[in-house]
């Protein structure tokens, strides 16, 4: 599992959706926008968990 920050100006274009439980919220970003998402990552990408 990874954790990273994304520029707010990019995320503001997308709606937050509930996915699963009440506390699970996520941005739904279309595949065609993933290149732009990558360009808007701020700082480092951290590995916070591994599952084997």
PDB file of N, CA and C in Angstrom:
ATOM      1  N   UNK A   1       0.844  -1.140   0.000  1.00  0.00           N
ATOM      2  CA  UNK A   1       0.000   0.000   0.000  1.00  0.00           C
ATOM      3  C   UNK A   1       0.904   1.221   0.000  1.00  0.00           C
ATOM      4  N   UNK A   2       0.518   2.218  -0.761  1.00  0.00           N
ATOM      5  CA  UNK A   2       1.327   3.433  -0.839  1.00  0.00           C
ATOM      6  C   UNK A   2       0.547   4.642  -0.348  1.00  0.00           C
ATOM      7  N   UNK A   3       1.295   5.685  -0.002  1.00  0.00           N
ATOM      8  CA  UNK A   3       0.700   6.955   0.410  1.00  0.00           C
ATOM      9  C   UNK A   3       1.460   8.059  -0.306  1.00  0.00           C
ATOM     10  N   UNK A   4       0.699   9.028  -0.829  1.00  0.00           N
ATOM     11  CA  UNK A   4       1.326  10.173  -1.478  1.00  0.00           C
ATOM     12  C   UNK A   4       0.350  11.336  -1.499  1.00  0.00           C
ATOM     13  N   UNK A   5       0.874  12.525  -1.679  1.00  0.00           N
ATOM     14  CA  UNK A   5       0.051  13.728  -1.744  1.00  0.00           C
ATOM     15  C   UNK A   5      -0.076  14.174  -3.194  1.00  0.00           C
ATOM     16  N   UNK A   6      -1.210  14.793  -3.490  1.00  0.00           N
ATOM     17  CA  UNK A   6      -1.494  15.283  -4.833  1.00  0.00           C
ATOM     18  C   UNK A   6      -1.920  16.739  -4.725  1.00  0.00           C
ATOM     19  N   UNK A   7      -1.495  17.553  -5.674  1.00  0.00           N
ATOM     20  CA  UNK A   7      -1.828  18.978  -5.669  1.00  0.00           C
ATOM     21  C   UNK A   7      -3.347  19.175  -5.606  1.00  0.00           C
ATOM     22  N   UNK A   8      -3.791  20.013  -4.684  1.00  0.00           N
ATOM     23  CA  UNK A   8      -5.213  20.278  -4.498  1.00  0.00           C
ATOM     24  C   UNK A   8      -5.851  20.843  -5.761  1.00  0.00           C
ATOM     25  N   UNK A   9      -5.125  21.653  -6.496  1.00  0.00           N
ATOM     26  CA  UNK A   9      -5.678  22.244  -7.715  1.00  0.00           C
ATOM     27  C   UNK A   9      -6.060  21.169  -8.731  1.00  0.00           C
ATOM     28  N   UNK A  10      -5.350  20.054  -8.741  1.00  0.00           N
ATOM     29  CA  UNK A  10      -5.708  18.933  -9.616  1.00  0.00           C
ATOM     30  C   UNK A  10      -6.923  18.198  -9.059  1.00  0.00           C
ATOM     31  N   UNK A  11      -6.886  17.858  -7.772  1.00  0.00           N
ATOM     32  CA  UNK A  11      -7.966  17.076  -7.167  1.00  0.00           C
ATOM     33  C   UNK A  11      -9.292  17.810  -7.148  1.00  0.00           C
ATOM     34  N   UNK A  12      -9.267  19.126  -7.103  1.00  0.00           N
ATOM     35  CA  UNK A  12     -10.511  19.902  -7.057  1.00  0.00           C
ATOM     36  C   UNK A  12     -11.402  19.668  -8.268  1.00  0.00           C
ATOM     37  N   UNK A  13     -10.866  19.113  -9.321  1.00  0.00           N
ATOM     38  CA  UNK A  13     -11.647  18.845 -10.543  1.00  0.00           C
ATOM     39  C   UNK A  13     -12.500  17.585 -10.424  1.00  0.00           C
ATOM     40  N   UNK A  14     -12.271  16.767  -9.395  1.00  0.00           N
ATOM     41  CA  UNK A  14     -12.913  15.467  -9.275  1.00  0.00           C
ATOM     42  C   UNK A  14     -13.766  15.390  -8.015  1.00  0.00           C
ATOM     43  N   UNK A  15     -14.824  14.586  -8.085  1.00  0.00           N
ATOM     44  CA  UNK A  15     -15.695  14.380  -6.936  1.00  0.00           C
ATOM     45  C   UNK A  15     -15.140  13.273  -6.048  1.00  0.00           C
ATOM     46  N   UNK A  16     -15.439  13.384  -4.756  1.00  0.00           N
ATOM     47  CA  UNK A  16     -15.100  12.340  -3.795  1.00  0.00           C
ATOM     48  C   UNK A  16     -16.308  11.408  -3.707  1.00  0.00           C
ATOM     49  N   UNK A  17     -16.048  10.103  -3.727  1.00  0.00           N
ATOM     50  CA  UNK A  17     -17.112   9.110  -3.653  1.00  0.00           C
ATOM     51  C   UNK A  17     -16.891   8.209  -2.451  1.00  0.00           C
ATOM     52  N   UNK A  18     -17.990   7.740  -1.876  1.00  0.00           N
ATOM     53  CA  UNK A  18     -17.925   6.754  -0.802  1.00  0.00           C
ATOM     54  C   UNK A  18     -17.731   5.392  -1.439  1.00  0.00           C
ATOM     55  N   UNK A  19     -16.735   4.674  -0.983  1.00  0.00           N
ATOM     56  CA  UNK A  19     -16.417   3.365  -1.559  1.00  0.00           C
ATOM     57  C   UNK A  19     -16.379   2.328  -0.445  1.00  0.00           C
ATOM     58  N   UNK A  20     -17.440   1.585  -0.305  1.00  0.00           N
ATOM     59  CA  UNK A  20     -17.482   0.597   0.772  1.00  0.00           C
ATOM     60  C   UNK A  20     -18.100   1.207   2.012  1.00  0.00           C
ATOM     61  N   UNK A  21     -17.336   1.226   3.092  1.00  0.00           N
ATOM     62  CA  UNK A  21     -17.835   1.750   4.362  1.00  0.00           C
ATOM     63  C   UNK A  21     -17.954   3.265   4.370  1.00  0.00           C
ATOM     64  N   UNK A  22     -18.614   3.769   5.398  1.00  0.00           N
ATOM     65  CA  UNK A  22     -18.866   5.213   5.522  1.00  0.00           C
ATOM     66  C   UNK A  22     -17.590   6.043   5.597  1.00  0.00           C
ATOM     67  N   UNK A  23     -16.541   5.462   6.122  1.00  0.00           N
ATOM     68  CA  UNK A  23     -15.296   6.214   6.301  1.00  0.00           C
ATOM     69  C   UNK A  23     -14.328   6.060   5.134  1.00  0.00           C
ATOM     70  N   UNK A  24     -14.713   5.280   4.138  1.00  0.00           N
ATOM     71  CA  UNK A  24     -13.825   5.057   2.993  1.00  0.00           C
ATOM     72  C   UNK A  24     -14.235   5.991   1.868  1.00  0.00           C
ATOM     73  N   UNK A  25     -13.455   7.044   1.696  1.00  0.00           N
ATOM     74  CA  UNK A  25     -13.722   8.043   0.665  1.00  0.00           C
ATOM     75  C   UNK A  25     -12.558   8.067  -0.303  1.00  0.00           C
ATOM     76  N   UNK A  26     -12.873   8.225  -1.573  1.00  0.00           N
ATOM     77  CA  UNK A  26     -11.801   8.240  -2.565  1.00  0.00           C
ATOM     78  C   UNK A  26     -12.183   9.099  -3.762  1.00  0.00           C
ATOM     79  N   UNK A  27     -11.160   9.599  -4.414  1.00  0.00           N
ATOM     80  CA  UNK A  27     -11.358  10.323  -5.673  1.00  0.00           C
ATOM     81  C   UNK A  27     -11.451   9.299  -6.794  1.00  0.00           C
ATOM     82  N   UNK A  28     -12.408   9.480  -7.682  1.00  0.00           N
ATOM     83  CA  UNK A  28     -12.502   8.633  -8.873  1.00  0.00           C
ATOM     84  C   UNK A  28     -11.921   9.417 -10.027  1.00  0.00           C
ATOM     85  N   UNK A  29     -10.723   9.046 -10.432  1.00  0.00           N
ATOM     86  CA  UNK A  29     -10.003   9.753 -11.490  1.00  0.00           C
ATOM     87  C   UNK A  29      -9.970   8.856 -12.721  1.00  0.00           C
ATOM     88  N   UNK A  30     -10.532   9.317 -13.838  1.00  0.00           N
ATOM     89  CA  UNK A  30     -10.566   8.492 -15.049  1.00  0.00           C
ATOM     90  C   UNK A  30      -9.160   8.123 -15.529  1.00  0.00           C
ATOM     91  N   UNK A  31      -9.062   6.956 -16.149  1.00  0.00           N
ATOM     92  CA  UNK A  31      -7.774   6.448 -16.637  1.00  0.00           C
ATOM     93  C   UNK A  31      -7.072   7.442 -17.553  1.00  0.00           C
ATOM     94  N   UNK A  32      -7.844   8.157 -18.361  1.00  0.00           N
ATOM     95  CA  UNK A  32      -7.211   9.102 -19.291  1.00  0.00           C
ATOM     96  C   UNK A  32      -6.542  10.280 -18.579  1.00  0.00           C
ATOM     97  N   UNK A  33      -6.815  10.464 -17.276  1.00  0.00           N
ATOM     98  CA  UNK A  33      -6.209  11.547 -16.507  1.00  0.00           C
ATOM     99  C   UNK A  33      -5.051  11.082 -15.622  1.00  0.00           C
ATOM    100  N   UNK A  34      -4.674   9.801 -15.700  1.00  0.00           N
ATOM    101  CA  UNK A  34      -3.630   9.281 -14.817  1.00  0.00           C
ATOM    102  C   UNK A  34      -2.257   9.894 -15.088  1.00  0.00           C
ATOM    103  N   UNK A  35      -1.959  10.203 -16.324  1.00  0.00           N
ATOM    104  CA  UNK A  35      -0.686  10.871 -16.623  1.00  0.00           C
ATOM    105  C   UNK A  35      -0.599  12.214 -15.932  1.00  0.00           C
ATOM    106  N   UNK A  36      -1.680  12.958 -15.974  1.00  0.00           N
ATOM    107  CA  UNK A  36      -1.719  14.267 -15.307  1.00  0.00           C
ATOM    108  C   UNK A  36      -1.696  14.099 -13.788  1.00  0.00           C
ATOM    109  N   UNK A  37      -2.354  13.043 -13.287  1.00  0.00           N
ATOM    110  CA  UNK A  37      -2.278  12.754 -11.847  1.00  0.00           C
ATOM    111  C   UNK A  37      -0.821  12.558 -11.449  1.00  0.00           C
ATOM    112  N   UNK A  38      -0.095  11.750 -12.194  1.00  0.00           N
ATOM    113  CA  UNK A  38       1.318  11.501 -11.885  1.00  0.00           C
ATOM    114  C   UNK A  38       2.131  12.787 -11.859  1.00  0.00           C
ATOM    115  N   UNK A  39       1.823  13.714 -12.750  1.00  0.00           N
ATOM    116  CA  UNK A  39       2.543  14.990 -12.797  1.00  0.00           C
ATOM    117  C   UNK A  39       2.212  15.877 -11.600  1.00  0.00           C
ATOM    118  N   UNK A  40       1.115  15.598 -10.905  1.00  0.00           N
ATOM    119  CA  UNK A  40       0.674  16.417  -9.783  1.00  0.00           C
ATOM    120  C   UNK A  40       0.957  15.788  -8.429  1.00  0.00           C
ATOM    121  N   UNK A  41       1.742  14.710  -8.414  1.00  0.00           N
ATOM    122  CA  UNK A  41       2.168  14.134  -7.143  1.00  0.00           C
ATOM    123  C   UNK A  41       3.178  15.082  -6.513  1.00  0.00           C
ATOM    124  N   UNK A  42       2.972  15.376  -5.228  1.00  0.00           N
ATOM    125  CA  UNK A  42       3.824  16.310  -4.492  1.00  0.00           C
ATOM    126  C   UNK A  42       4.663  15.512  -3.502  1.00  0.00           C
ATOM    127  N   UNK A  43       5.970  15.642  -3.577  1.00  0.00           N
ATOM    128  CA  UNK A  43       6.840  14.958  -2.627  1.00  0.00           C
ATOM    129  C   UNK A  43       7.054  13.498  -2.980  1.00  0.00           C
ATOM    130  N   UNK A  44       7.308  12.709  -1.950  1.00  0.00           N
ATOM    131  CA  UNK A  44       7.671  11.303  -2.115  1.00  0.00           C
ATOM    132  C   UNK A  44       6.444  10.389  -2.086  1.00  0.00           C
ATOM    133  N   UNK A  45       6.586   9.244  -2.715  1.00  0.00           N
ATOM    134  CA  UNK A  45       5.612   8.163  -2.592  1.00  0.00           C
ATOM    135  C   UNK A  45       6.159   7.200  -1.548  1.00  0.00           C
ATOM    136  N   UNK A  46       5.372   6.951  -0.483  1.00  0.00           N
ATOM    137  CA  UNK A  46       5.823   6.098   0.606  1.00  0.00           C
ATOM    138  C   UNK A  46       5.120   4.744   0.548  1.00  0.00           C
ATOM    139  N   UNK A  47       5.864   3.676   0.780  1.00  0.00           N
ATOM    140  CA  UNK A  47       5.257   2.357   0.984  1.00  0.00           C
ATOM    141  C   UNK A  47       4.921   2.264   2.464  1.00  0.00           C
ATOM    142  N   UNK A  48       3.621   2.102   2.764  1.00  0.00           N
ATOM    143  CA  UNK A  48       3.193   2.086   4.173  1.00  0.00           C
ATOM    144  C   UNK A  48       2.793   0.696   4.657  1.00  0.00           C
ATOM    145  N   UNK A  49       2.596  -0.265   3.723  1.00  0.00           N
ATOM    146  CA  UNK A  49       2.272  -1.632   4.104  1.00  0.00           C
ATOM    147  C   UNK A  49       2.553  -2.560   2.931  1.00  0.00           C
ATOM    148  N   UNK A  50       2.838  -3.820   3.266  1.00  0.00           N
ATOM    149  CA  UNK A  50       3.036  -4.846   2.255  1.00  0.00           C
ATOM    150  C   UNK A  50       2.209  -6.065   2.640  1.00  0.00           C
ATOM    151  N   UNK A  51       1.624  -6.707   1.657  1.00  0.00           N
ATOM    152  CA  UNK A  51       0.825  -7.907   1.899  1.00  0.00           C
ATOM    153  C   UNK A  51       1.381  -9.028   1.047  1.00  0.00           C
ATOM    154  N   UNK A  52       1.582 -10.168   1.658  1.00  0.00           N
ATOM    155  CA  UNK A  52       2.175 -11.307   0.944  1.00  0.00           C
ATOM    156  C   UNK A  52       1.195 -12.451   0.903  1.00  0.00           C
TER     157      UNK A  52
END
